[in-house]
Amino acid sequence: MSKKNILDTAVNFIESNLHNDIGLRDVANHAGYSYFHMTRVFTAVLGESVGSYINKRRLYEASRSLIYSKQKIIDIAIDSGFESSEAFSRAFKNIFHVSPTVYRKNGLNI
């Protein structure tokens, strides 16, 4: 299987399971490759780890929830796989450079 096919399989699995507790081992098992091979392919093609990709995708989904729902920020954080609003806020600020509260208030949609 080519790197593109491996990556397509991995990304499709991630997208289908964003709201589940998944990690690199789950992605590798689903694609039928070893932990180490999946790490090499994913990083070589996308330039980031599987964990980083999953985290960013969850944060982008959370950003949509902040704009398009009235759900509490703590609920969005928990739904996004974070154990606290503080951890969610730190990760969110790292990607979007503003807090979830400011993001929601300003109606940003990056």
PDB file of N, CA and C in Angstrom:
ATOM      1  N   MET A   1       0.850  -1.184   0.000  1.00  0.00           N
ATOM      2  CA  MET A   1       0.000   0.000   0.000  1.00  0.00           C
ATOM      3  C   MET A   1       0.893   1.244   0.000  1.00  0.00           C
ATOM      4  N   SER A   2       0.524   2.233  -0.801  1.00  0.00           N
ATOM      5  CA  SER A   2       1.320   3.450  -0.892  1.00  0.00           C
ATOM      6  C   SER A   2       1.130   4.312   0.351  1.00  0.00           C
ATOM      7  N   LYS A   3       2.049   5.268   0.516  1.00  0.00           N
ATOM      8  CA  LYS A   3       1.939   6.192   1.657  1.00  0.00           C
ATOM      9  C   LYS A   3       0.615   6.946   1.613  1.00  0.00           C
ATOM     10  N   LYS A   4       0.187   7.308   0.416  1.00  0.00           N
ATOM     11  CA  LYS A   4      -1.082   8.036   0.277  1.00  0.00           C
ATOM     12  C   LYS A   4      -2.247   7.173   0.758  1.00  0.00           C
ATOM     13  N   ASN A   5      -2.269   5.906   0.373  1.00  0.00           N
ATOM     14  CA  ASN A   5      -3.355   5.016   0.791  1.00  0.00           C
ATOM     15  C   ASN A   5      -3.326   4.781   2.299  1.00  0.00           C
ATOM     16  N   ILE A   6      -2.139   4.621   2.860  1.00  0.00           N
ATOM     17  CA  ILE A   6      -2.010   4.446   4.312  1.00  0.00           C
ATOM     18  C   ILE A   6      -2.549   5.688   5.006  1.00  0.00           C
ATOM     19  N   LEU A   7      -2.142   6.844   4.520  1.00  0.00           N
ATOM     20  CA  LEU A   7      -2.572   8.107   5.118  1.00  0.00           C
ATOM     21  C   LEU A   7      -4.077   8.308   4.958  1.00  0.00           C
ATOM     22  N   ASP A   8      -4.619   7.998   3.786  1.00  0.00           N
ATOM     23  CA  ASP A   8      -6.069   8.118   3.579  1.00  0.00           C
ATOM     24  C   ASP A   8      -6.830   7.254   4.571  1.00  0.00           C
ATOM     25  N   THR A   9      -6.383   6.019   4.744  1.00  0.00           N
ATOM     26  CA  THR A   9      -7.024   5.103   5.686  1.00  0.00           C
ATOM     27  C   THR A   9      -6.948   5.655   7.102  1.00  0.00           C
ATOM     28  N   ALA A  10      -5.778   6.151   7.474  1.00  0.00           N
ATOM     29  CA  ALA A  10      -5.572   6.688   8.827  1.00  0.00           C
ATOM     30  C   ALA A  10      -6.434   7.922   9.067  1.00  0.00           C
ATOM     31  N   VAL A  11      -6.421   8.857   8.144  1.00  0.00           N
ATOM     32  CA  VAL A  11      -7.179  10.105   8.306  1.00  0.00           C
ATOM     33  C   VAL A  11      -8.681   9.824   8.318  1.00  0.00           C
ATOM     34  N   ASN A  12      -9.150   8.932   7.465  1.00  0.00           N
ATOM     35  CA  ASN A  12     -10.578   8.586   7.469  1.00  0.00           C
ATOM     36  C   ASN A  12     -10.991   7.979   8.803  1.00  0.00           C
ATOM     37  N   PHE A  13     -10.140   7.129   9.360  1.00  0.00           N
ATOM     38  CA  PHE A  13     -10.424   6.537  10.665  1.00  0.00           C
ATOM     39  C   PHE A  13     -10.472   7.619  11.745  1.00  0.00           C
ATOM     40  N   ILE A  14      -9.511   8.523  11.715  1.00  0.00           N
ATOM     41  CA  ILE A  14      -9.470   9.617  12.696  1.00  0.00           C
ATOM     42  C   ILE A  14     -10.731  10.468  12.584  1.00  0.00           C
ATOM     43  N   GLU A  15     -11.074  10.865  11.368  1.00  0.00           N
ATOM     44  CA  GLU A  15     -12.249  11.719  11.163  1.00  0.00           C
ATOM     45  C   GLU A  15     -13.530  11.033  11.640  1.00  0.00           C
ATOM     46  N   SER A  16     -13.620   9.737  11.444  1.00  0.00           N
ATOM     47  CA  SER A  16     -14.807   8.986  11.862  1.00  0.00           C
ATOM     48  C   SER A  16     -14.868   8.768  13.370  1.00  0.00           C
ATOM     49  N   ASN A  17     -13.733   8.969  14.042  1.00  0.00           N
ATOM     50  CA  ASN A  17     -13.657   8.673  15.474  1.00  0.00           C
ATOM     51  C   ASN A  17     -13.164   9.845  16.311  1.00  0.00           C
ATOM     52  N   LEU A  18     -13.325  11.065  15.818  1.00  0.00           N
ATOM     53  CA  LEU A  18     -12.826  12.237  16.534  1.00  0.00           C
ATOM     54  C   LEU A  18     -13.381  12.342  17.947  1.00  0.00           C
ATOM     55  N   HIS A  19     -14.606  11.889  18.142  1.00  0.00           N
ATOM     56  CA  HIS A  19     -15.225  12.029  19.454  1.00  0.00           C
ATOM     57  C   HIS A  19     -15.017  10.797  20.333  1.00  0.00           C
ATOM     58  N   ASN A  20     -14.202   9.884  19.866  1.00  0.00           N
ATOM     59  CA  ASN A  20     -13.857   8.700  20.658  1.00  0.00           C
ATOM     60  C   ASN A  20     -12.445   8.858  21.205  1.00  0.00           C
ATOM     61  N   ASP A  21     -12.128   8.068  22.185  1.00  0.00           N
ATOM     62  CA  ASP A  21     -10.798   8.088  22.784  1.00  0.00           C
ATOM     63  C   ASP A  21      -9.865   7.215  21.935  1.00  0.00           C
ATOM     64  N   ILE A  22      -9.240   7.838  20.935  1.00  0.00           N
ATOM     65  CA  ILE A  22      -8.340   7.098  20.042  1.00  0.00           C
ATOM     66  C   ILE A  22      -6.942   7.672  20.128  1.00  0.00           C
ATOM     67  N   GLY A  23      -5.989   6.860  19.728  1.00  0.00           N
ATOM     68  CA  GLY A  23      -4.600   7.277  19.705  1.00  0.00           C
ATOM     69  C   GLY A  23      -3.867   6.607  18.561  1.00  0.00           C
ATOM     70  N   LEU A  24      -2.579   6.778  18.539  1.00  0.00           N
ATOM     71  CA  LEU A  24      -1.756   6.242  17.458  1.00  0.00           C
ATOM     72  C   LEU A  24      -1.916   4.738  17.297  1.00  0.00           C
ATOM     73  N   ARG A  25      -1.931   4.001  18.388  1.00  0.00           N
ATOM     74  CA  ARG A  25      -2.072   2.537  18.294  1.00  0.00           C
ATOM     75  C   ARG A  25      -3.374   2.141  17.609  1.00  0.00           C
ATOM     76  N   ASP A  26      -4.457   2.845  17.933  1.00  0.00           N
ATOM     77  CA  ASP A  26      -5.750   2.556  17.301  1.00  0.00           C
ATOM     78  C   ASP A  26      -5.704   2.832  15.801  1.00  0.00           C
ATOM     79  N   VAL A  27      -5.104   3.953  15.441  1.00  0.00           N
ATOM     80  CA  VAL A  27      -4.995   4.332  14.031  1.00  0.00           C
ATOM     81  C   VAL A  27      -4.139   3.316  13.287  1.00  0.00           C
ATOM     82  N   ALA A  28      -3.001   2.956  13.859  1.00  0.00           N
ATOM     83  CA  ALA A  28      -2.099   1.985  13.231  1.00  0.00           C
ATOM     84  C   ALA A  28      -2.785   0.622  13.075  1.00  0.00           C
ATOM     85  N   ASN A  29      -3.464   0.179  14.116  1.00  0.00           N
ATOM     86  CA  ASN A  29      -4.170  -1.107  14.046  1.00  0.00           C
ATOM     87  C   ASN A  29      -5.234  -1.091  12.961  1.00  0.00           C
ATOM     88  N   HIS A  30      -5.976  -0.011  12.880  1.00  0.00           N
ATOM     89  CA  HIS A  30      -7.030   0.089  11.870  1.00  0.00           C
ATOM     90  C   HIS A  30      -6.437   0.034  10.457  1.00  0.00           C
ATOM     91  N   ALA A  31      -5.325   0.710  10.256  1.00  0.00           N
ATOM     92  CA  ALA A  31      -4.682   0.747   8.943  1.00  0.00           C
ATOM     93  C   ALA A  31      -3.908  -0.533   8.640  1.00  0.00           C
ATOM     94  N   GLY A  32      -3.682  -1.352   9.682  1.00  0.00           N
ATOM     95  CA  GLY A  32      -2.970  -2.614   9.476  1.00  0.00           C
ATOM     96  C   GLY A  32      -1.462  -2.466   9.438  1.00  0.00           C
ATOM     97  N   TYR A  33      -0.964  -1.447  10.116  1.00  0.00           N
ATOM     98  CA  TYR A  33       0.479  -1.210  10.149  1.00  0.00           C
ATOM     99  C   TYR A  33       0.961  -1.096  11.580  1.00  0.00           C
ATOM    100  N   SER A  34       2.259  -1.219  11.729  1.00  0.00           N
ATOM    101  CA  SER A  34       2.831  -1.121  13.067  1.00  0.00           C
ATOM    102  C   SER A  34       2.793   0.327  13.552  1.00  0.00           C
ATOM    103  N   TYR A  35       2.879   0.446  14.846  1.00  0.00           N
ATOM    104  CA  TYR A  35       2.951   1.740  15.518  1.00  0.00           C
ATOM    105  C   TYR A  35       4.065   2.586  14.904  1.00  0.00           C
ATOM    106  N   PHE A  36       5.241   1.971  14.720  1.00  0.00           N
ATOM    107  CA  PHE A  36       6.416   2.705  14.238  1.00  0.00           C
ATOM    108  C   PHE A  36       6.277   3.091  12.768  1.00  0.00           C
ATOM    109  N   HIS A  37       5.728   2.190  11.957  1.00  0.00           N
ATOM    110  CA  HIS A  37       5.548   2.507  10.539  1.00  0.00           C
ATOM    111  C   HIS A  37       4.528   3.643  10.375  1.00  0.00           C
ATOM    112  N   MET A  38       3.432   3.568  11.115  1.00  0.00           N
ATOM    113  CA  MET A  38       2.411   4.622  11.034  1.00  0.00           C
ATOM    114  C   MET A  38       3.001   5.962  11.458  1.00  0.00           C
ATOM    115  N   THR A  39       3.814   5.957  12.496  1.00  0.00           N
ATOM    116  CA  THR A  39       4.465   7.192  12.945  1.00  0.00           C
ATOM    117  C   THR A  39       5.327   7.782  11.833  1.00  0.00           C
ATOM    118  N   ARG A  40       6.131   6.937  11.207  1.00  0.00           N
ATOM    119  CA  ARG A  40       7.029   7.413  10.137  1.00  0.00           C
ATOM    120  C   ARG A  40       6.250   7.967   8.953  1.00  0.00           C
ATOM    121  N   VAL A  41       5.245   7.236   8.496  1.00  0.00           N
ATOM    122  CA  VAL A  41       4.473   7.665   7.329  1.00  0.00           C
ATOM    123  C   VAL A  41       3.718   8.957   7.617  1.00  0.00           C
ATOM    124  N   PHE A  42       3.027   8.998   8.728  1.00  0.00           N
ATOM    125  CA  PHE A  42       2.218  10.169   9.078  1.00  0.00           C
ATOM    126  C   PHE A  42       3.089  11.409   9.191  1.00  0.00           C
ATOM    127  N   THR A  43       4.199  11.286   9.890  1.00  0.00           N
ATOM    128  CA  THR A  43       5.095  12.426  10.082  1.00  0.00           C
ATOM    129  C   THR A  43       5.759  12.837   8.773  1.00  0.00           C
ATOM    130  N   ALA A  44       6.134  11.857   7.950  1.00  0.00           N
ATOM    131  CA  ALA A  44       6.791  12.166   6.677  1.00  0.00           C
ATOM    132  C   ALA A  44       5.855  12.925   5.741  1.00  0.00           C
ATOM    133  N   VAL A  45       4.611  12.536   5.707  1.00  0.00           N
ATOM    134  CA  VAL A  45       3.675  13.136   4.765  1.00  0.00           C
ATOM    135  C   VAL A  45       3.051  14.428   5.304  1.00  0.00           C
ATOM    136  N   LEU A  46       2.602  14.409   6.555  1.00  0.00           N
ATOM    137  CA  LEU A  46       1.909  15.569   7.099  1.00  0.00           C
ATOM    138  C   LEU A  46       2.784  16.485   7.943  1.00  0.00           C
ATOM    139  N   GLY A  47       3.940  16.016   8.327  1.00  0.00           N
ATOM    140  CA  GLY A  47       4.853  16.856   9.084  1.00  0.00           C
ATOM    141  C   GLY A  47       4.491  17.020  10.544  1.00  0.00           C
ATOM    142  N   GLU A  48       3.599  16.176  11.043  1.00  0.00           N
ATOM    143  CA  GLU A  48       3.239  16.205  12.455  1.00  0.00           C
ATOM    144  C   GLU A  48       2.844  14.807  12.903  1.00  0.00           C
ATOM    145  N   SER A  49       2.818  14.621  14.199  1.00  0.00           N
ATOM    146  CA  SER A  49       2.473  13.312  14.744  1.00  0.00           C
ATOM    147  C   SER A  49       0.972  13.052  14.647  1.00  0.00           C
ATOM    148  N   VAL A  50       0.599  11.796  14.777  1.00  0.00           N
ATOM    149  CA  VAL A  50      -0.820  11.427  14.780  1.00  0.00           C
ATOM    150  C   VAL A  50      -1.528  12.124  15.935  1.00  0.00           C
ATOM    151  N   GLY A  51      -0.909  12.116  17.107  1.00  0.00           N
ATOM    152  CA  GLY A  51      -1.509  12.755  18.279  1.00  0.00           C
ATOM    153  C   GLY A  51      -1.735  14.240  18.075  1.00  0.00           C
ATOM    154  N   SER A  52      -0.774  14.904  17.478  1.00  0.00           N
ATOM    155  CA  SER A  52      -0.904  16.334  17.201  1.00  0.00           C
ATOM    156  C   SER A  52      -2.033  16.583  16.203  1.00  0.00           C
ATOM    157  N   TYR A  53      -2.116  15.757  15.185  1.00  0.00           N
ATOM    158  CA  TYR A  53      -3.177  15.890  14.187  1.00  0.00           C
ATOM    159  C   TYR A  53      -4.551  15.710  14.834  1.00  0.00           C
ATOM    160  N   ILE A  54      -4.697  14.667  15.636  1.00  0.00           N
ATOM    161  CA  ILE A  54      -5.972  14.410  16.311  1.00  0.00           C
ATOM    162  C   ILE A  54      -6.341  15.594  17.205  1.00  0.00           C
ATOM    163  N   ASN A  55      -5.371  16.076  17.958  1.00  0.00           N
ATOM    164  CA  ASN A  55      -5.614  17.212  18.859  1.00  0.00           C
ATOM    165  C   ASN A  55      -6.065  18.448  18.077  1.00  0.00           C
ATOM    166  N   LYS A  56      -5.394  18.755  16.988  1.00  0.00           N
ATOM    167  CA  LYS A  56      -5.765  19.921  16.179  1.00  0.00           C
ATOM    168  C   LYS A  56      -7.149  19.761  15.578  1.00  0.00           C
ATOM    169  N   ARG A  57      -7.451  18.578  15.078  1.00  0.00           N
ATOM    170  CA  ARG A  57      -8.786  18.349  14.496  1.00  0.00           C
ATOM    171  C   ARG A  57      -9.873  18.530  15.551  1.00  0.00           C
ATOM    172  N   ARG A  58      -9.623  18.037  16.750  1.00  0.00           N
ATOM    173  CA  ARG A  58     -10.606  18.201  17.828  1.00  0.00           C
ATOM    174  C   ARG A  58     -10.776  19.673  18.183  1.00  0.00           C
ATOM    175  N   LEU A  59      -9.684  20.417  18.184  1.00  0.00           N
ATOM    176  CA  LEU A  59      -9.761  21.844  18.485  1.00  0.00           C
ATOM    177  C   LEU A  59     -10.500  22.608  17.390  1.00  0.00           C
ATOM    178  N   TYR A  60     -10.307  22.237  16.132  1.00  0.00           N
ATOM    179  CA  TYR A  60     -11.039  22.895  15.056  1.00  0.00           C
ATOM    180  C   TYR A  60     -12.531  22.596  15.144  1.00  0.00           C
ATOM    181  N   GLU A  61     -12.881  21.380  15.504  1.00  0.00           N
ATOM    182  CA  GLU A  61     -14.288  21.047  15.713  1.00  0.00           C
ATOM    183  C   GLU A  61     -14.840  21.840  16.899  1.00  0.00           C
ATOM    184  N   ALA A  62     -14.048  21.970  17.946  1.00  0.00           N
ATOM    185  CA  ALA A  62     -14.464  22.751  19.114  1.00  0.00           C
ATOM    186  C   ALA A  62     -14.667  24.214  18.731  1.00  0.00           C
ATOM    187  N   SER A  63     -13.817  24.733  17.864  1.00  0.00           N
ATOM    188  CA  SER A  63     -13.959  26.134  17.448  1.00  0.00           C
ATOM    189  C   SER A  63     -15.291  26.352  16.742  1.00  0.00           C
ATOM    190  N   ARG A  64     -15.725  25.390  15.982  1.00  0.00           N
ATOM    191  CA  ARG A  64     -17.042  25.489  15.324  1.00  0.00           C
ATOM    192  C   ARG A  64     -18.161  25.469  16.364  1.00  0.00           C
ATOM    193  N   SER A  65     -18.015  24.631  17.372  1.00  0.00           N
ATOM    194  CA  SER A  65     -19.017  24.568  18.435  1.00  0.00           C
ATOM    195  C   SER A  65     -19.093  25.883  19.206  1.00  0.00           C
ATOM    196  N   LEU A  66     -17.951  26.512  19.404  1.00  0.00           N
ATOM    197  CA  LEU A  66     -17.940  27.794  20.104  1.00  0.00           C
ATOM    198  C   LEU A  66     -18.744  28.844  19.341  1.00  0.00           C
ATOM    199  N   ILE A  67     -18.653  28.827  18.039  1.00  0.00           N
ATOM    200  CA  ILE A  67     -19.337  29.817  17.212  1.00  0.00           C
ATOM    201  C   ILE A  67     -20.803  29.455  16.980  1.00  0.00           C
ATOM    202  N   TYR A  68     -21.051  28.190  16.688  1.00  0.00           N
ATOM    203  CA  TYR A  68     -22.375  27.795  16.203  1.00  0.00           C
ATOM    204  C   TYR A  68     -23.259  27.084  17.227  1.00  0.00           C
ATOM    205  N   SER A  69     -22.842  27.071  18.489  1.00  0.00           N
ATOM    206  CA  SER A  69     -23.701  26.475  19.515  1.00  0.00           C
ATOM    207  C   SER A  69     -23.702  27.361  20.756  1.00  0.00           C
ATOM    208  N   LYS A  70     -24.622  27.083  21.623  1.00  0.00           N
ATOM    209  CA  LYS A  70     -24.699  27.799  22.903  1.00  0.00           C
ATOM    210  C   LYS A  70     -24.163  26.922  24.027  1.00  0.00           C
ATOM    211  N   GLN A  71     -23.517  25.833  23.656  1.00  0.00           N
ATOM    212  CA  GLN A  71     -22.965  24.885  24.620  1.00  0.00           C
ATOM    213  C   GLN A  71     -21.922  25.581  25.500  1.00  0.00           C
ATOM    214  N   LYS A  72     -21.895  25.228  26.780  1.00  0.00           N
ATOM    215  CA  LYS A  72     -20.899  25.790  27.695  1.00  0.00           C
ATOM    216  C   LYS A  72     -19.501  25.373  27.254  1.00  0.00           C
ATOM    217  N   ILE A  73     -18.534  26.245  27.510  1.00  0.00           N
ATOM    218  CA  ILE A  73     -17.154  25.972  27.118  1.00  0.00           C
ATOM    219  C   ILE A  73     -16.635  24.711  27.789  1.00  0.00           C
ATOM    220  N   ILE A  74     -16.953  24.493  29.040  1.00  0.00           N
ATOM    221  CA  ILE A  74     -16.485  23.281  29.728  1.00  0.00           C
ATOM    222  C   ILE A  74     -17.055  22.036  29.051  1.00  0.00           C
ATOM    223  N   ASP A  75     -18.289  22.100  28.585  1.00  0.00           N
ATOM    224  CA  ASP A  75     -18.892  20.960  27.894  1.00  0.00           C
ATOM    225  C   ASP A  75     -18.216  20.708  26.551  1.00  0.00           C
ATOM    226  N   ILE A  76     -17.891  21.778  25.855  1.00  0.00           N
ATOM    227  CA  ILE A  76     -17.160  21.646  24.593  1.00  0.00           C
ATOM    228  C   ILE A  76     -15.788  21.039  24.862  1.00  0.00           C
ATOM    229  N   ALA A  77     -15.134  21.491  25.935  1.00  0.00           N
ATOM    230  CA  ALA A  77     -13.818  20.961  26.298  1.00  0.00           C
ATOM    231  C   ALA A  77     -13.890  19.460  26.556  1.00  0.00           C
ATOM    232  N   ILE A  78     -14.855  19.036  27.349  1.00  0.00           N
ATOM    233  CA  ILE A  78     -15.013  17.614  27.679  1.00  0.00           C
ATOM    234  C   ILE A  78     -15.344  16.813  26.427  1.00  0.00           C
ATOM    235  N   ASP A  79     -16.265  17.328  25.608  1.00  0.00           N
ATOM    236  CA  ASP A  79     -16.631  16.650  24.358  1.00  0.00           C
ATOM    237  C   ASP A  79     -15.449  16.537  23.399  1.00  0.00           C
ATOM    238  N   SER A  80     -14.499  17.447  23.538  1.00  0.00           N
ATOM    239  CA  SER A  80     -13.321  17.457  22.670  1.00  0.00           C
ATOM    240  C   SER A  80     -12.178  16.600  23.211  1.00  0.00           C
ATOM    241  N   GLY A  81     -12.415  15.943  24.337  1.00  0.00           N
ATOM    242  CA  GLY A  81     -11.412  15.030  24.875  1.00  0.00           C
ATOM    243  C   GLY A  81     -10.479  15.635  25.907  1.00  0.00           C
ATOM    244  N   PHE A  82     -10.775  16.841  26.375  1.00  0.00           N
ATOM    245  CA  PHE A  82      -9.937  17.479  27.389  1.00  0.00           C
ATOM    246  C   PHE A  82     -10.532  17.227  28.759  1.00  0.00           C
ATOM    247  N   GLU A  83      -9.675  17.077  29.752  1.00  0.00           N
ATOM    248  CA  GLU A  83     -10.136  16.748  31.097  1.00  0.00           C
ATOM    249  C   GLU A  83     -10.531  17.969  31.919  1.00  0.00           C
ATOM    250  N   SER A  84     -10.157  19.158  31.451  1.00  0.00           N
ATOM    251  CA  SER A  84     -10.510  20.381  32.174  1.00  0.00           C
ATOM    252  C   SER A  84     -10.603  21.543  31.197  1.00  0.00           C
ATOM    253  N   SER A  85     -11.293  22.584  31.640  1.00  0.00           N
ATOM    254  CA  SER A  85     -11.384  23.769  30.792  1.00  0.00           C
ATOM    255  C   SER A  85     -10.031  24.465  30.683  1.00  0.00           C
ATOM    256  N   GLU A  86      -9.195  24.314  31.718  1.00  0.00           N
ATOM    257  CA  GLU A  86      -7.862  24.925  31.690  1.00  0.00           C
ATOM    258  C   GLU A  86      -6.991  24.279  30.612  1.00  0.00           C
ATOM    259  N   ALA A  87      -7.005  22.945  30.558  1.00  0.00           N
ATOM    260  CA  ALA A  87      -6.210  22.241  29.541  1.00  0.00           C
ATOM    261  C   ALA A  87      -6.728  22.586  28.143  1.00  0.00           C
ATOM    262  N   PHE A  88      -8.041  22.646  28.001  1.00  0.00           N
ATOM    263  CA  PHE A  88      -8.648  23.019  26.730  1.00  0.00           C
ATOM    264  C   PHE A  88      -8.240  24.427  26.334  1.00  0.00           C
ATOM    265  N   SER A  89      -8.320  25.352  27.274  1.00  0.00           N
ATOM    266  CA  SER A  89      -7.983  26.743  27.005  1.00  0.00           C
ATOM    267  C   SER A  89      -6.525  26.895  26.570  1.00  0.00           C
ATOM    268  N   ARG A  90      -5.616  26.201  27.259  1.00  0.00           N
ATOM    269  CA  ARG A  90      -4.187  26.262  26.887  1.00  0.00           C
ATOM    270  C   ARG A  90      -3.971  25.751  25.466  1.00  0.00           C
ATOM    271  N   ALA A  91      -4.560  24.603  25.163  1.00  0.00           N
ATOM    272  CA  ALA A  91      -4.405  24.018  23.828  1.00  0.00           C
ATOM    273  C   ALA A  91      -5.048  24.913  22.769  1.00  0.00           C
ATOM    274  N   PHE A  92      -6.213  25.456  23.083  1.00  0.00           N
ATOM    275  CA  PHE A  92      -6.924  26.326  22.149  1.00  0.00           C
ATOM    276  C   PHE A  92      -6.097  27.575  21.846  1.00  0.00           C
ATOM    277  N   LYS A  93      -5.577  28.205  22.901  1.00  0.00           N
ATOM    278  CA  LYS A  93      -4.750  29.403  22.719  1.00  0.00           C
ATOM    279  C   LYS A  93      -3.503  29.103  21.892  1.00  0.00           C
ATOM    280  N   ASN A  94      -2.942  27.926  22.076  1.00  0.00           N
ATOM    281  CA  ASN A  94      -1.747  27.533  21.329  1.00  0.00           C
ATOM    282  C   ASN A  94      -2.014  27.483  19.822  1.00  0.00           C
ATOM    283  N   ILE A  95      -3.210  27.082  19.437  1.00  0.00           N
ATOM    284  CA  ILE A  95      -3.560  26.970  18.020  1.00  0.00           C
ATOM    285  C   ILE A  95      -4.156  28.268  17.471  1.00  0.00           C
ATOM    286  N   PHE A  96      -5.094  28.861  18.203  1.00  0.00           N
ATOM    287  CA  PHE A  96      -5.848  30.011  17.698  1.00  0.00           C
ATOM    288  C   PHE A  96      -5.355  31.364  18.218  1.00  0.00           C
ATOM    289  N   HIS A  97      -4.445  31.359  19.178  1.00  0.00           N
ATOM    290  CA  HIS A  97      -3.836  32.579  19.722  1.00  0.00           C
ATOM    291  C   HIS A  97      -4.811  33.489  20.471  1.00  0.00           C
ATOM    292  N   VAL A  98      -5.974  32.981  20.796  1.00  0.00           N
ATOM    293  CA  VAL A  98      -6.924  33.666  21.670  1.00  0.00           C
ATOM    294  C   VAL A  98      -7.606  32.607  22.519  1.00  0.00           C
ATOM    295  N   SER A  99      -8.192  33.026  23.619  1.00  0.00           N
ATOM    296  CA  SER A  99      -8.899  32.082  24.483  1.00  0.00           C
ATOM    297  C   SER A  99     -10.217  31.664  23.827  1.00  0.00           C
ATOM    298  N   PRO A 100     -10.765  30.535  24.236  1.00  0.00           N
ATOM    299  CA  PRO A 100     -12.076  30.130  23.713  1.00  0.00           C
ATOM    300  C   PRO A 100     -13.153  31.191  23.959  1.00  0.00           C
ATOM    301  N   THR A 101     -13.096  31.853  25.094  1.00  0.00           N
ATOM    302  CA  THR A 101     -14.075  32.895  25.416  1.00  0.00           C
ATOM    303  C   THR A 101     -13.981  34.054  24.433  1.00  0.00           C
ATOM    304  N   VAL A 102     -12.776  34.529  24.170  1.00  0.00           N
ATOM    305  CA  VAL A 102     -12.570  35.634  23.224  1.00  0.00           C
ATOM    306  C   VAL A 102     -12.968  35.203  21.814  1.00  0.00           C
ATOM    307  N   TYR A 103     -12.606  33.979  21.455  1.00  0.00           N
ATOM    308  CA  TYR A 103     -12.954  33.446  20.140  1.00  0.00           C
ATOM    309  C   TYR A 103     -14.471  33.472  19.942  1.00  0.00           C
ATOM    310  N   ARG A 104     -15.197  32.975  20.945  1.00  0.00           N
ATOM    311  CA  ARG A 104     -16.664  32.957  20.876  1.00  0.00           C
ATOM    312  C   ARG A 104     -17.220  34.378  20.846  1.00  0.00           C
ATOM    313  N   LYS A 105     -16.720  35.244  21.710  1.00  0.00           N
ATOM    314  CA  LYS A 105     -17.215  36.623  21.801  1.00  0.00           C
ATOM    315  C   LYS A 105     -17.039  37.372  20.492  1.00  0.00           C
ATOM    316  N   ASN A 106     -15.893  37.185  19.855  1.00  0.00           N
ATOM    317  CA  ASN A 106     -15.588  37.894  18.614  1.00  0.00           C
ATOM    318  C   ASN A 106     -16.226  37.246  17.387  1.00  0.00           C
ATOM    319  N   GLY A 107     -16.753  36.039  17.568  1.00  0.00           N
ATOM    320  CA  GLY A 107     -17.387  35.359  16.444  1.00  0.00           C
ATOM    321  C   GLY A 107     -16.409  34.972  15.354  1.00  0.00           C
ATOM    322  N   LEU A 108     -15.168  34.739  15.750  1.00  0.00           N
ATOM    323  CA  LEU A 108     -14.156  34.347  14.783  1.00  0.00           C
ATOM    324  C   LEU A 108     -14.476  32.975  14.242  1.00  0.00           C
ATOM    325  N   ASN A 109     -14.178  32.753  12.997  1.00  0.00           N
ATOM    326  CA  ASN A 109     -14.304  31.425  12.424  1.00  0.00           C
ATOM    327  C   ASN A 109     -13.132  31.213  11.486  1.00  0.00           C
ATOM    328  N   ILE A 110     -12.042  30.726  12.060  1.00  0.00           N
ATOM    329  CA  ILE A 110     -10.806  30.565  11.304  1.00  0.00           C
ATOM    330  C   ILE A 110     -10.828  29.225  10.601  1.00  0.00           C
TER     331      ILE A 110
END
